[in-house]
């Protein structure tokens, strides 16, 4: 089983990438590949740029990687209650190649933030929007107050109750 995990954040110290990597590592007998959104940095999408560039090769590459996955683990950063601009731009480029970006792969959708709501707004948007891009969302998890509930040194959730919740989601994950 192959898991592709990534964060919807271009931050070099992305807390969502840390959460995605941790969650992906909880799946037993899985090959885990953690992608970095910075490796897919593309110019701001517009139809004018698309006429010049055509289908962006980095968007094609990302779609090809998603195609190899049995499970997607996606953790979204929340910027002003929405996706990060970098993630939205990536979606825009990819959707012009294949509107079914997530290719009906089973998905664990997550978010975390330094705040107590744990990215609740972006999760709500994604829960409603991702199925249009062929996401098969099997479970959703929010980690509130990242700095209080995640140990960066160990790379694990430090709050026992929240860690238990995520482990139950992973153990009950149905392909």
C-alpha atoms as a PDB file:
ATOM      1  CA  UNK A   1       0.000   0.000   0.000  1.00  0.00           C
ATOM      2  CA  UNK A   2       1.345   3.420  -0.962  1.00  0.00           C
ATOM      3  CA  UNK A   3       0.398   6.633   0.810  1.00  0.00           C
ATOM      4  CA  UNK A   4       1.002  10.048  -0.647  1.00  0.00           C
ATOM      5  CA  UNK A   5       0.916  12.696   2.083  1.00  0.00           C
ATOM      6  CA  UNK A   6       1.202  16.440   1.698  1.00  0.00           C
ATOM      7  CA  UNK A   7       0.252  19.727   3.251  1.00  0.00           C
ATOM      8  CA  UNK A   8      -1.612  22.529   1.556  1.00  0.00           C
ATOM      9  CA  UNK A   9       1.071  24.927   2.739  1.00  0.00           C
ATOM     10  CA  UNK A  10       4.268  26.309   1.222  1.00  0.00           C
ATOM     11  CA  UNK A  11       5.808  26.982   4.644  1.00  0.00           C
ATOM     12  CA  UNK A  12       9.254  25.436   5.051  1.00  0.00           C
ATOM     13  CA  UNK A  13       8.253  24.698   8.675  1.00  0.00           C
ATOM     14  CA  UNK A  14       4.691  23.659   7.834  1.00  0.00           C
ATOM     15  CA  UNK A  15       2.839  22.333  10.855  1.00  0.00           C
ATOM     16  CA  UNK A  16       0.391  20.696   8.459  1.00  0.00           C
ATOM     17  CA  UNK A  17       3.216  18.824   6.732  1.00  0.00           C
ATOM     18  CA  UNK A  18       4.350  17.571  10.149  1.00  0.00           C
ATOM     19  CA  UNK A  19       0.812  16.394  10.925  1.00  0.00           C
ATOM     20  CA  UNK A  20       0.390  14.752   7.507  1.00  0.00           C
ATOM     21  CA  UNK A  21       3.704  12.903   7.854  1.00  0.00           C
ATOM     22  CA  UNK A  22       2.781  11.691  11.344  1.00  0.00           C
ATOM     23  CA  UNK A  23      -0.677  10.510  10.286  1.00  0.00           C
ATOM     24  CA  UNK A  24       0.644   8.741   7.181  1.00  0.00           C
ATOM     25  CA  UNK A  25       3.200   6.938   9.320  1.00  0.00           C
ATOM     26  CA  UNK A  26       0.427   5.449  11.458  1.00  0.00           C
ATOM     27  CA  UNK A  27      -0.797   3.244   8.608  1.00  0.00           C
ATOM     28  CA  UNK A  28       0.657  -0.246   8.948  1.00  0.00           C
ATOM     29  CA  UNK A  29       2.634  -1.874   6.123  1.00  0.00           C
ATOM     30  CA  UNK A  30       2.599   1.269   4.008  1.00  0.00           C
ATOM     31  CA  UNK A  31       5.160   2.952   1.830  1.00  0.00           C
ATOM     32  CA  UNK A  32       4.845   6.641   2.705  1.00  0.00           C
ATOM     33  CA  UNK A  33       5.858   9.437   0.368  1.00  0.00           C
ATOM     34  CA  UNK A  34       5.604  12.946   1.830  1.00  0.00           C
ATOM     35  CA  UNK A  35       5.451  15.612  -0.845  1.00  0.00           C
ATOM     36  CA  UNK A  36       6.419  19.253  -0.370  1.00  0.00           C
ATOM     37  CA  UNK A  37       4.150  21.821  -2.023  1.00  0.00           C
ATOM     38  CA  UNK A  38       7.267  23.939  -2.683  1.00  0.00           C
ATOM     39  CA  UNK A  39       8.396  21.340  -5.212  1.00  0.00           C
ATOM     40  CA  UNK A  40       5.311  22.244  -7.276  1.00  0.00           C
ATOM     41  CA  UNK A  41       5.620  26.020  -7.262  1.00  0.00           C
ATOM     42  CA  UNK A  42       4.047  27.440 -10.399  1.00  0.00           C
ATOM     43  CA  UNK A  43       3.269  30.952 -11.585  1.00  0.00           C
ATOM     44  CA  UNK A  44      -0.057  32.403 -10.563  1.00  0.00           C
ATOM     45  CA  UNK A  45      -2.632  30.676 -12.741  1.00  0.00           C
ATOM     46  CA  UNK A  46      -4.465  32.608 -15.429  1.00  0.00           C
ATOM     47  CA  UNK A  47      -5.841  31.539 -18.783  1.00  0.00           C
ATOM     48  CA  UNK A  48      -3.397  33.989 -20.384  1.00  0.00           C
ATOM     49  CA  UNK A  49      -0.437  32.201 -18.773  1.00  0.00           C
ATOM     50  CA  UNK A  50      -1.933  28.847 -19.666  1.00  0.00           C
ATOM     51  CA  UNK A  51      -1.986  29.885 -23.347  1.00  0.00           C
ATOM     52  CA  UNK A  52       1.739  30.652 -23.143  1.00  0.00           C
ATOM     53  CA  UNK A  53       2.836  27.762 -20.902  1.00  0.00           C
ATOM     54  CA  UNK A  54       0.254  25.142 -21.746  1.00  0.00           C
ATOM     55  CA  UNK A  55      -0.214  22.388 -19.197  1.00  0.00           C
ATOM     56  CA  UNK A  56       2.373  23.063 -16.534  1.00  0.00           C
ATOM     57  CA  UNK A  57       4.829  20.159 -16.213  1.00  0.00           C
ATOM     58  CA  UNK A  58       4.849  20.412 -12.401  1.00  0.00           C
ATOM     59  CA  UNK A  59       1.066  20.019 -12.332  1.00  0.00           C
ATOM     60  CA  UNK A  60       1.401  16.945 -14.547  1.00  0.00           C
ATOM     61  CA  UNK A  61       4.087  15.576 -12.221  1.00  0.00           C
ATOM     62  CA  UNK A  62       1.899  16.052  -9.140  1.00  0.00           C
ATOM     63  CA  UNK A  63      -1.063  14.370 -10.819  1.00  0.00           C
ATOM     64  CA  UNK A  64       1.180  11.461 -11.815  1.00  0.00           C
ATOM     65  CA  UNK A  65       2.310  11.060  -8.192  1.00  0.00           C
ATOM     66  CA  UNK A  66      -1.269  11.138  -6.938  1.00  0.00           C
ATOM     67  CA  UNK A  67      -2.076   8.406  -9.472  1.00  0.00           C
ATOM     68  CA  UNK A  68       0.438   6.091  -7.772  1.00  0.00           C
ATOM     69  CA  UNK A  69      -1.243   6.390  -4.351  1.00  0.00           C
ATOM     70  CA  UNK A  70      -3.570   3.940  -2.683  1.00  0.00           C
ATOM     71  CA  UNK A  71      -4.398   6.544  -0.010  1.00  0.00           C
ATOM     72  CA  UNK A  72      -4.003  10.314   0.169  1.00  0.00           C
ATOM     73  CA  UNK A  73      -3.285  12.054   3.469  1.00  0.00           C
ATOM     74  CA  UNK A  74      -3.842  15.783   3.031  1.00  0.00           C
ATOM     75  CA  UNK A  75      -3.503  18.381   5.777  1.00  0.00           C
ATOM     76  CA  UNK A  76      -4.561  21.903   4.889  1.00  0.00           C
ATOM     77  CA  UNK A  77      -3.222  25.166   6.179  1.00  0.00           C
ATOM     78  CA  UNK A  78      -5.850  27.782   6.874  1.00  0.00           C
ATOM     79  CA  UNK A  79      -5.077  31.278   5.637  1.00  0.00           C
ATOM     80  CA  UNK A  80      -7.760  33.811   6.493  1.00  0.00           C
ATOM     81  CA  UNK A  81     -10.357  31.046   6.718  1.00  0.00           C
ATOM     82  CA  UNK A  82      -9.482  29.478   3.368  1.00  0.00           C
ATOM     83  CA  UNK A  83      -6.852  27.466   1.490  1.00  0.00           C
ATOM     84  CA  UNK A  84      -3.370  28.897   1.221  1.00  0.00           C
ATOM     85  CA  UNK A  85      -2.860  30.791  -2.039  1.00  0.00           C
ATOM     86  CA  UNK A  86      -0.123  28.315  -3.022  1.00  0.00           C
ATOM     87  CA  UNK A  87      -2.431  25.325  -2.596  1.00  0.00           C
ATOM     88  CA  UNK A  88      -5.292  26.999  -4.475  1.00  0.00           C
ATOM     89  CA  UNK A  89      -2.905  27.852  -7.304  1.00  0.00           C
ATOM     90  CA  UNK A  90      -1.737  24.235  -7.472  1.00  0.00           C
ATOM     91  CA  UNK A  91      -5.346  23.071  -7.644  1.00  0.00           C
ATOM     92  CA  UNK A  92      -6.035  25.570 -10.430  1.00  0.00           C
ATOM     93  CA  UNK A  93      -3.129  24.331 -12.581  1.00  0.00           C
ATOM     94  CA  UNK A  94      -3.871  20.658 -11.922  1.00  0.00           C
ATOM     95  CA  UNK A  95      -7.586  20.960 -12.601  1.00  0.00           C
ATOM     96  CA  UNK A  96      -6.895  22.240 -16.106  1.00  0.00           C
ATOM     97  CA  UNK A  97      -5.187  18.921 -16.872  1.00  0.00           C
ATOM     98  CA  UNK A  98      -7.524  16.638 -14.951  1.00  0.00           C
ATOM     99  CA  UNK A  99     -10.592  17.945 -13.145  1.00  0.00           C
ATOM    100  CA  UNK A 100     -10.463  14.746 -11.076  1.00  0.00           C
ATOM    101  CA  UNK A 101      -7.308  15.886  -9.283  1.00  0.00           C
ATOM    102  CA  UNK A 102      -7.667  13.451  -6.392  1.00  0.00           C
ATOM    103  CA  UNK A 103      -8.533  10.599  -8.789  1.00  0.00           C
ATOM    104  CA  UNK A 104     -11.083   8.992  -6.447  1.00  0.00           C
ATOM    105  CA  UNK A 105      -8.318   7.971  -4.046  1.00  0.00           C
ATOM    106  CA  UNK A 106      -9.430   7.331  -0.450  1.00  0.00           C
ATOM    107  CA  UNK A 107      -8.456  10.409   1.544  1.00  0.00           C
ATOM    108  CA  UNK A 108      -7.749  11.285   5.142  1.00  0.00           C
ATOM    109  CA  UNK A 109      -8.428  15.018   5.183  1.00  0.00           C
ATOM    110  CA  UNK A 110      -6.928  17.023   8.020  1.00  0.00           C
ATOM    111  CA  UNK A 111      -5.954  20.456   9.215  1.00  0.00           C
ATOM    112  CA  UNK A 112      -4.140  21.983  12.115  1.00  0.00           C
ATOM    113  CA  UNK A 113      -3.414  25.521  13.213  1.00  0.00           C
ATOM    114  CA  UNK A 114      -1.940  27.313  16.197  1.00  0.00           C
ATOM    115  CA  UNK A 115      -5.505  28.314  17.125  1.00  0.00           C
ATOM    116  CA  UNK A 116      -8.168  26.419  19.023  1.00  0.00           C
ATOM    117  CA  UNK A 117     -10.334  25.807  15.939  1.00  0.00           C
ATOM    118  CA  UNK A 118      -7.661  23.669  14.240  1.00  0.00           C
ATOM    119  CA  UNK A 119      -8.414  24.826  10.707  1.00  0.00           C
ATOM    120  CA  UNK A 120     -12.153  24.178  11.016  1.00  0.00           C
ATOM    121  CA  UNK A 121     -13.032  26.734   8.342  1.00  0.00           C
ATOM    122  CA  UNK A 122     -10.720  25.316   5.679  1.00  0.00           C
ATOM    123  CA  UNK A 123     -11.839  21.772   6.521  1.00  0.00           C
ATOM    124  CA  UNK A 124     -15.459  22.757   5.970  1.00  0.00           C
ATOM    125  CA  UNK A 125     -14.589  24.306   2.605  1.00  0.00           C
ATOM    126  CA  UNK A 126     -12.545  21.264   1.546  1.00  0.00           C
ATOM    127  CA  UNK A 127     -15.195  18.803   2.742  1.00  0.00           C
ATOM    128  CA  UNK A 128     -17.680  20.460   0.400  1.00  0.00           C
ATOM    129  CA  UNK A 129     -15.277  21.248  -2.459  1.00  0.00           C
ATOM    130  CA  UNK A 130     -12.888  18.286  -2.753  1.00  0.00           C
ATOM    131  CA  UNK A 131     -15.523  15.767  -3.934  1.00  0.00           C
ATOM    132  CA  UNK A 132     -15.904  17.938  -7.066  1.00  0.00           C
ATOM    133  CA  UNK A 133     -12.269  17.084  -7.737  1.00  0.00           C
ATOM    134  CA  UNK A 134     -12.876  13.343  -7.193  1.00  0.00           C
ATOM    135  CA  UNK A 135     -11.749  13.136  -3.580  1.00  0.00           C
ATOM    136  CA  UNK A 136     -13.095  10.106  -1.740  1.00  0.00           C
ATOM    137  CA  UNK A 137     -12.964  11.582   1.760  1.00  0.00           C
ATOM    138  CA  UNK A 138     -13.090   8.673   4.201  1.00  0.00           C
ATOM    139  CA  UNK A 139     -12.251  10.594   7.377  1.00  0.00           C
ATOM    140  CA  UNK A 140     -11.612  14.102   8.653  1.00  0.00           C
ATOM    141  CA  UNK A 141      -9.375  15.081  11.560  1.00  0.00           C
ATOM    142  CA  UNK A 142      -8.614  18.463  13.087  1.00  0.00           C
ATOM    143  CA  UNK A 143      -5.744  19.097  15.488  1.00  0.00           C
ATOM    144  CA  UNK A 144      -6.407  22.290  17.434  1.00  0.00           C
ATOM    145  CA  UNK A 145      -3.700  24.392  19.087  1.00  0.00           C
ATOM    146  CA  UNK A 146      -0.810  22.692  17.306  1.00  0.00           C
ATOM    147  CA  UNK A 147       1.874  24.115  19.590  1.00  0.00           C
ATOM    148  CA  UNK A 148       0.126  22.705  22.667  1.00  0.00           C
ATOM    149  CA  UNK A 149      -0.824  19.335  21.173  1.00  0.00           C
ATOM    150  CA  UNK A 150       2.090  18.281  18.955  1.00  0.00           C
ATOM    151  CA  UNK A 151       5.674  17.554  19.987  1.00  0.00           C
ATOM    152  CA  UNK A 152       7.819  18.758  17.097  1.00  0.00           C
ATOM    153  CA  UNK A 153      10.941  16.983  18.391  1.00  0.00           C
ATOM    154  CA  UNK A 154       9.314  13.541  18.404  1.00  0.00           C
ATOM    155  CA  UNK A 155       7.065  14.350  15.432  1.00  0.00           C
ATOM    156  CA  UNK A 156       4.005  13.050  17.287  1.00  0.00           C
ATOM    157  CA  UNK A 157       0.756  14.308  18.756  1.00  0.00           C
ATOM    158  CA  UNK A 158       1.437  14.895  22.454  1.00  0.00           C
ATOM    159  CA  UNK A 159      -2.180  15.127  23.595  1.00  0.00           C
ATOM    160  CA  UNK A 160      -3.194  11.530  24.446  1.00  0.00           C
ATOM    161  CA  UNK A 161      -6.895  12.007  23.633  1.00  0.00           C
ATOM    162  CA  UNK A 162      -6.260  13.634  20.268  1.00  0.00           C
ATOM    163  CA  UNK A 163      -3.600  11.058  19.445  1.00  0.00           C
ATOM    164  CA  UNK A 164      -6.061   8.298  20.286  1.00  0.00           C
ATOM    165  CA  UNK A 165      -8.698   9.896  18.017  1.00  0.00           C
ATOM    166  CA  UNK A 166      -6.314   9.992  15.062  1.00  0.00           C
ATOM    167  CA  UNK A 167      -5.080   6.439  15.663  1.00  0.00           C
ATOM    168  CA  UNK A 168      -8.700   5.206  15.745  1.00  0.00           C
ATOM    169  CA  UNK A 169      -9.386   6.971  12.458  1.00  0.00           C
ATOM    170  CA  UNK A 170      -6.339   5.327  10.870  1.00  0.00           C
ATOM    171  CA  UNK A 171      -7.145   1.883  12.332  1.00  0.00           C
ATOM    172  CA  UNK A 172     -10.727   2.101  11.033  1.00  0.00           C
ATOM    173  CA  UNK A 173      -9.785   3.598   7.663  1.00  0.00           C
ATOM    174  CA  UNK A 174     -11.616   1.715   4.928  1.00  0.00           C
ATOM    175  CA  UNK A 175     -10.260   1.647   1.397  1.00  0.00           C
END
